[in-house]
Amino acid sequence: MSRKPVHIAMYSGGASSAYVAYHMVQTYGRENSILFFTNTLWEHEDNYRFMEEVADYLGMEITYRTDGRTPEQVFYDYRFMGNSRLAKCSEELKVRQTIIFLEELRTEHGLEPILYFGIGRHEQHRAENLKDFYDHVPLEPVETRFPLISTFREEVDVKQIIQEKWGIQLPVMYELGFSHANCGGRCVRGGFQHYAQLYRTWPNVYREQEEMEEQFRSHFDKDVSILKRNGGPYTLREYREVLEKEGLERYLNVQDDTVPCVCTV
């Protein structure tokens, strides 16, 4: 028996995913669409405000899923500190919850999910990786779509549309200069530029992340860290001391050589 298609926006709290959700709902209708958000419990409160306002604009409810753990709890459970190369937090709190939800749609509701991502042409490699992942990891392949790459011939200024046409203020983390709004600035896949930006904007949040890292190192007696330098550990405490000594500016202008995780918004 064939399943009825259901169109699912991977609703991350960012401008691109919001615009793709709008395009999806306009194309297939509210009755055939789902706004799906996996919550890490570390998100900035303004992300929730933004998502709710966009959902109201679309006339939709948000389907929330959460593992119940924070990224820090995942690190302790796996005895592994997340970093730019490997982030078990994303795998457990977002990807695993998504796979479970997709299988529920198929087995319990007779629906065939089609996923929509807010990934643009400049991140073609991420689109290819996601397509490959959802082709092979679920019990059956799941179709993935990237409208900002495949549908629109020209680059869409989604931020301008959301602010000027929809009248919705973007998440505050964009305005503060962050490249993405993951985990309220505590994303372990952020690099040197990201953490310099975090220290400039919210030094108290930086110190929370620094303390989390120090406690993990002490608890497991492991020389590990979120940041890496010359192939080895480089703690947030060490980095903060350099920032305070040398100044932030030189590090704010260095492009991070990191791989965005699946939850980048």
Protein backbone atom coordinates (compact mmCIF):
# COMPACT_ATOMS: atom_id res chain seq x y z
CA MET A 1 0.00 0.00 0.00
CA SER A 2 1.41 3.37 -1.01
CA ARG A 3 1.81 6.04 1.65
CA LYS A 4 0.46 9.56 1.43
CA PRO A 5 3.26 12.14 1.07
CA VAL A 6 3.78 14.58 3.93
CA HIS A 7 6.08 17.58 3.49
CA ILE A 8 8.34 18.34 6.46
CA ALA A 9 10.27 21.56 6.96
CA MET A 10 13.39 20.95 9.03
CA TYR A 11 12.58 23.99 11.10
CA SER A 12 15.78 25.05 12.83
CA GLY A 13 15.07 28.58 14.03
CA GLY A 14 17.04 30.27 11.26
CA ALA A 15 15.95 32.59 8.45
CA SER A 16 16.62 30.14 5.60
CA SER A 17 14.67 27.29 7.16
CA ALA A 18 11.80 29.70 7.88
CA TYR A 19 11.64 30.81 4.24
CA VAL A 20 11.82 27.25 2.95
CA ALA A 21 8.97 26.35 5.32
CA TYR A 22 6.95 29.21 3.82
CA HIS A 23 7.66 28.00 0.28
CA MET A 24 6.72 24.44 1.22
CA VAL A 25 3.43 25.40 2.88
CA GLN A 26 2.49 27.69 -0.02
CA THR A 27 3.19 24.89 -2.50
CA TYR A 28 1.59 21.90 -0.75
CA GLY A 29 -0.84 23.42 1.76
CA ARG A 30 -0.96 23.44 5.55
CA GLU A 31 -2.87 20.14 5.65
CA ASN A 32 0.04 18.35 3.96
CA SER A 33 2.87 20.09 5.83
CA ILE A 34 4.71 19.82 9.14
CA LEU A 35 7.11 22.25 10.83
CA PHE A 36 9.54 19.97 12.67
CA PHE A 37 11.95 21.22 15.34
CA THR A 38 14.34 19.19 17.48
CA ASN A 39 15.21 21.03 20.68
CA THR A 40 18.65 20.73 22.31
CA LEU A 41 17.46 22.66 25.40
CA TRP A 42 20.39 25.04 24.92
CA GLU A 43 18.68 27.31 22.38
CA HIS A 44 18.55 31.07 22.88
CA GLU A 45 15.10 32.20 24.02
CA ASP A 46 14.76 34.57 21.06
CA ASN A 47 14.98 31.61 18.67
CA TYR A 48 11.74 30.29 20.13
CA ARG A 49 10.12 33.71 19.72
CA PHE A 50 11.15 33.83 16.06
CA MET A 51 9.94 30.31 15.31
CA GLU A 52 6.57 30.91 16.93
CA GLU A 53 6.05 34.20 15.07
CA VAL A 54 6.89 32.57 11.72
CA ALA A 55 4.62 29.62 12.52
CA ASP A 56 1.79 32.05 13.32
CA TYR A 57 2.44 33.85 10.04
CA LEU A 58 2.13 30.52 8.22
CA GLY A 59 -0.92 29.49 10.23
CA MET A 60 0.87 26.37 11.45
CA GLU A 61 1.75 24.63 14.71
CA ILE A 62 5.30 23.49 15.42
CA THR A 63 5.98 19.82 16.06
CA TYR A 64 8.59 19.72 18.83
CA ARG A 65 10.78 16.75 19.71
CA THR A 66 13.40 16.59 22.44
CA ASP A 67 15.63 13.85 23.77
CA GLY A 68 15.36 15.36 27.25
CA ARG A 69 19.11 15.80 27.59
CA THR A 70 21.29 18.83 26.99
CA PRO A 71 24.48 18.57 24.91
CA GLU A 72 26.49 18.54 28.15
CA GLN A 73 24.57 15.49 29.41
CA VAL A 74 25.25 13.73 26.10
CA PHE A 75 28.98 14.40 26.51
CA TYR A 76 28.94 12.80 29.96
CA ASP A 77 26.88 9.82 28.81
CA TYR A 78 29.36 9.08 26.03
CA ARG A 79 32.42 10.18 28.01
CA PHE A 80 33.31 12.26 24.96
CA MET A 81 33.61 16.05 24.63
CA GLY A 82 32.00 17.30 21.44
CA ASN A 83 34.17 19.35 19.10
CA SER A 84 34.25 20.68 15.54
CA ARG A 85 35.12 17.25 14.16
CA LEU A 86 32.58 15.14 15.99
CA ALA A 87 29.46 16.33 17.80
CA LYS A 88 27.51 13.51 19.45
CA CYS A 89 25.08 16.15 20.70
CA SER A 90 23.84 16.81 17.17
CA GLU A 91 23.72 13.10 16.39
CA GLU A 92 21.74 12.22 19.52
CA LEU A 93 19.55 15.27 20.10
CA LYS A 94 18.67 16.13 16.51
CA VAL A 95 19.43 13.36 14.01
CA ARG A 96 18.26 10.44 16.16
CA GLN A 97 15.05 12.25 17.12
CA THR A 98 14.40 12.99 13.46
CA ILE A 99 14.86 9.37 12.39
CA ILE A 100 12.49 8.18 15.14
CA PHE A 101 9.86 10.73 14.04
CA LEU A 102 10.14 9.71 10.38
CA GLU A 103 9.63 6.05 11.21
CA GLU A 104 6.61 6.93 13.34
CA LEU A 105 5.06 8.74 10.40
CA ARG A 106 5.53 5.69 8.22
CA THR A 107 4.57 2.91 10.61
CA GLU A 108 1.87 4.59 12.70
CA HIS A 109 0.31 7.07 10.28
CA GLY A 110 0.92 5.60 6.83
CA LEU A 111 2.70 8.76 5.64
CA GLU A 112 5.75 9.09 3.42
CA PRO A 113 7.99 11.96 4.64
CA ILE A 114 9.73 14.39 2.29
CA LEU A 115 12.27 16.63 4.03
CA TYR A 116 12.96 20.29 3.20
CA PHE A 117 16.19 22.01 4.25
CA GLY A 118 17.12 25.71 4.22
CA ILE A 119 20.53 25.14 2.64
CA GLY A 120 21.74 27.48 -0.09
CA ARG A 121 24.07 27.11 -3.09
CA HIS A 122 27.10 28.14 -1.06
CA GLU A 123 26.60 24.99 1.04
CA GLN A 124 26.12 22.51 -1.80
CA HIS A 125 28.41 20.02 -0.04
CA ARG A 126 26.10 19.95 2.98
CA ALA A 127 23.12 19.24 0.76
CA GLU A 128 24.96 16.34 -0.84
CA ASN A 129 25.94 14.94 2.56
CA LEU A 130 22.37 15.18 3.88
CA LYS A 131 20.96 13.55 0.76
CA ASP A 132 23.43 10.68 1.11
CA PHE A 133 22.63 10.33 4.82
CA TYR A 134 18.86 10.11 4.35
CA ASP A 135 19.31 7.77 1.40
CA HIS A 136 21.14 5.21 3.53
CA VAL A 137 20.59 5.61 7.29
CA PRO A 138 16.79 5.30 7.77
CA LEU A 139 15.18 1.88 7.31
CA GLU A 140 14.01 3.12 3.91
CA PRO A 141 15.42 6.06 1.94
CA VAL A 142 13.86 9.45 2.69
CA GLU A 143 13.57 12.06 -0.05
CA THR A 144 15.36 15.35 0.68
CA ARG A 145 14.73 18.66 -1.06
CA PHE A 146 16.72 21.91 -1.07
CA PRO A 147 14.54 24.64 -2.63
CA LEU A 148 17.13 27.40 -2.25
CA ILE A 149 19.36 25.35 -4.56
CA SER A 150 16.94 23.58 -6.89
CA THR A 151 13.88 25.85 -7.15
CA PHE A 152 15.03 29.46 -7.15
CA ARG A 153 17.22 30.54 -10.06
CA GLU A 154 18.62 33.53 -8.22
CA GLU A 155 19.84 33.96 -4.65
CA VAL A 156 16.93 34.88 -2.37
CA ASP A 157 17.46 37.52 0.32
CA VAL A 158 15.44 35.61 2.89
CA LYS A 159 16.38 37.90 5.77
CA GLN A 160 15.09 40.98 3.97
CA ILE A 161 11.85 39.24 2.99
CA ILE A 162 11.19 38.05 6.54
CA GLN A 163 11.85 41.45 8.07
CA GLU A 164 10.32 43.77 5.47
CA LYS A 165 7.51 41.72 3.93
CA TRP A 166 6.54 39.51 6.85
CA GLY A 167 7.27 42.11 9.51
CA ILE A 168 9.08 39.60 11.73
CA GLN A 169 12.30 40.45 13.55
CA LEU A 170 15.16 38.03 12.96
CA PRO A 171 16.68 36.09 15.88
CA VAL A 172 18.82 38.42 17.97
CA MET A 173 21.94 36.29 17.44
CA TYR A 174 22.06 37.36 13.79
CA GLU A 175 22.02 41.01 14.82
CA LEU A 176 24.81 40.39 17.33
CA GLY A 177 27.10 39.07 14.59
CA PHE A 178 26.96 35.29 15.03
CA SER A 179 27.14 33.26 11.82
CA HIS A 180 24.49 30.89 13.16
CA ALA A 181 22.20 30.71 16.17
CA ASN A 182 22.83 27.17 17.39
CA CYS A 183 22.64 26.37 21.09
CA GLY A 184 22.61 29.98 22.27
CA GLY A 185 26.22 30.46 21.20
CA ARG A 186 27.51 27.34 22.95
CA CYS A 187 27.80 25.24 19.79
CA VAL A 188 30.82 22.94 20.11
CA ARG A 189 31.32 23.08 16.35
CA GLY A 190 32.04 26.77 16.55
CA GLY A 191 35.68 27.62 15.93
CA PHE A 192 38.02 30.39 17.05
CA GLN A 193 36.05 33.20 15.43
CA HIS A 194 32.80 31.92 16.88
CA TYR A 195 34.14 31.72 20.43
CA ALA A 196 35.82 35.12 20.16
CA GLN A 197 32.42 36.48 19.13
CA LEU A 198 30.80 34.68 22.06
CA TYR A 199 33.32 36.14 24.52
CA ARG A 200 32.79 39.65 23.16
CA THR A 201 28.98 39.39 23.21
CA TRP A 202 28.22 37.20 26.22
CA PRO A 203 31.35 36.67 28.33
CA ASN A 204 29.24 35.01 31.03
CA VAL A 205 28.04 32.36 28.53
CA TYR A 206 31.62 31.83 27.37
CA ARG A 207 32.66 31.24 30.98
CA GLU A 208 29.78 28.76 31.44
CA GLN A 209 31.11 26.80 28.48
CA GLU A 210 34.65 27.11 29.78
CA GLU A 211 33.57 25.80 33.19
CA MET A 212 31.68 22.91 31.58
CA GLU A 213 34.81 21.97 29.67
CA GLU A 214 37.04 22.20 32.77
CA GLN A 215 34.64 20.05 34.83
CA PHE A 216 34.51 17.41 32.10
CA ARG A 217 38.30 17.30 31.86
CA SER A 218 38.58 16.92 35.63
CA HIS A 219 35.76 14.38 35.97
CA PHE A 220 37.16 11.99 33.36
CA ASP A 221 40.83 12.98 33.79
CA LYS A 222 41.13 13.52 30.05
CA ASP A 223 43.12 16.14 28.16
CA VAL A 224 40.32 17.06 25.78
CA SER A 225 38.78 20.31 24.56
CA ILE A 226 36.19 21.83 22.23
CA LEU A 227 38.77 23.80 20.23
CA LYS A 228 41.84 22.26 18.61
CA ARG A 229 45.19 23.81 17.77
CA ASN A 230 48.02 22.10 15.87
CA GLY A 231 46.07 18.87 16.04
CA GLY A 232 45.84 18.86 19.84
CA PRO A 233 43.62 20.13 22.66
CA TYR A 234 43.30 23.87 23.19
CA THR A 235 41.01 24.72 26.09
CA LEU A 236 38.59 27.61 26.30
CA ARG A 237 40.49 28.80 29.34
CA GLU A 238 43.71 28.99 27.33
CA TYR A 239 41.92 30.75 24.51
CA ARG A 240 40.26 33.27 26.85
CA GLU A 241 43.63 34.17 28.34
CA VAL A 242 44.97 34.83 24.83
CA LEU A 243 41.92 36.93 23.95
CA GLU A 244 42.35 39.00 27.09
CA LYS A 245 46.06 39.47 26.46
CA GLU A 246 46.11 40.09 22.71
CA GLY A 247 42.64 41.55 22.17
CA LEU A 248 39.61 40.20 20.35
CA GLU A 249 39.87 41.95 16.99
CA ARG A 250 42.45 39.75 15.30
CA TYR A 251 40.42 36.63 16.13
CA LEU A 252 37.05 38.08 15.14
CA ASN A 253 38.27 38.47 11.56
CA VAL A 254 39.67 34.95 11.11
CA GLN A 255 37.41 32.68 9.09
CA ASP A 256 36.67 29.44 10.99
CA ASP A 257 37.76 26.28 9.23
CA THR A 258 35.02 24.17 10.76
CA VAL A 259 32.32 21.87 9.44
CA PRO A 260 28.78 23.02 10.30
CA CYS A 261 26.73 20.37 12.04
CA VAL A 262 23.32 19.21 10.87
CA CYS A 263 21.64 21.66 13.22
CA THR A 264 23.23 24.80 11.79
CA VAL A 265 20.65 27.56 11.38
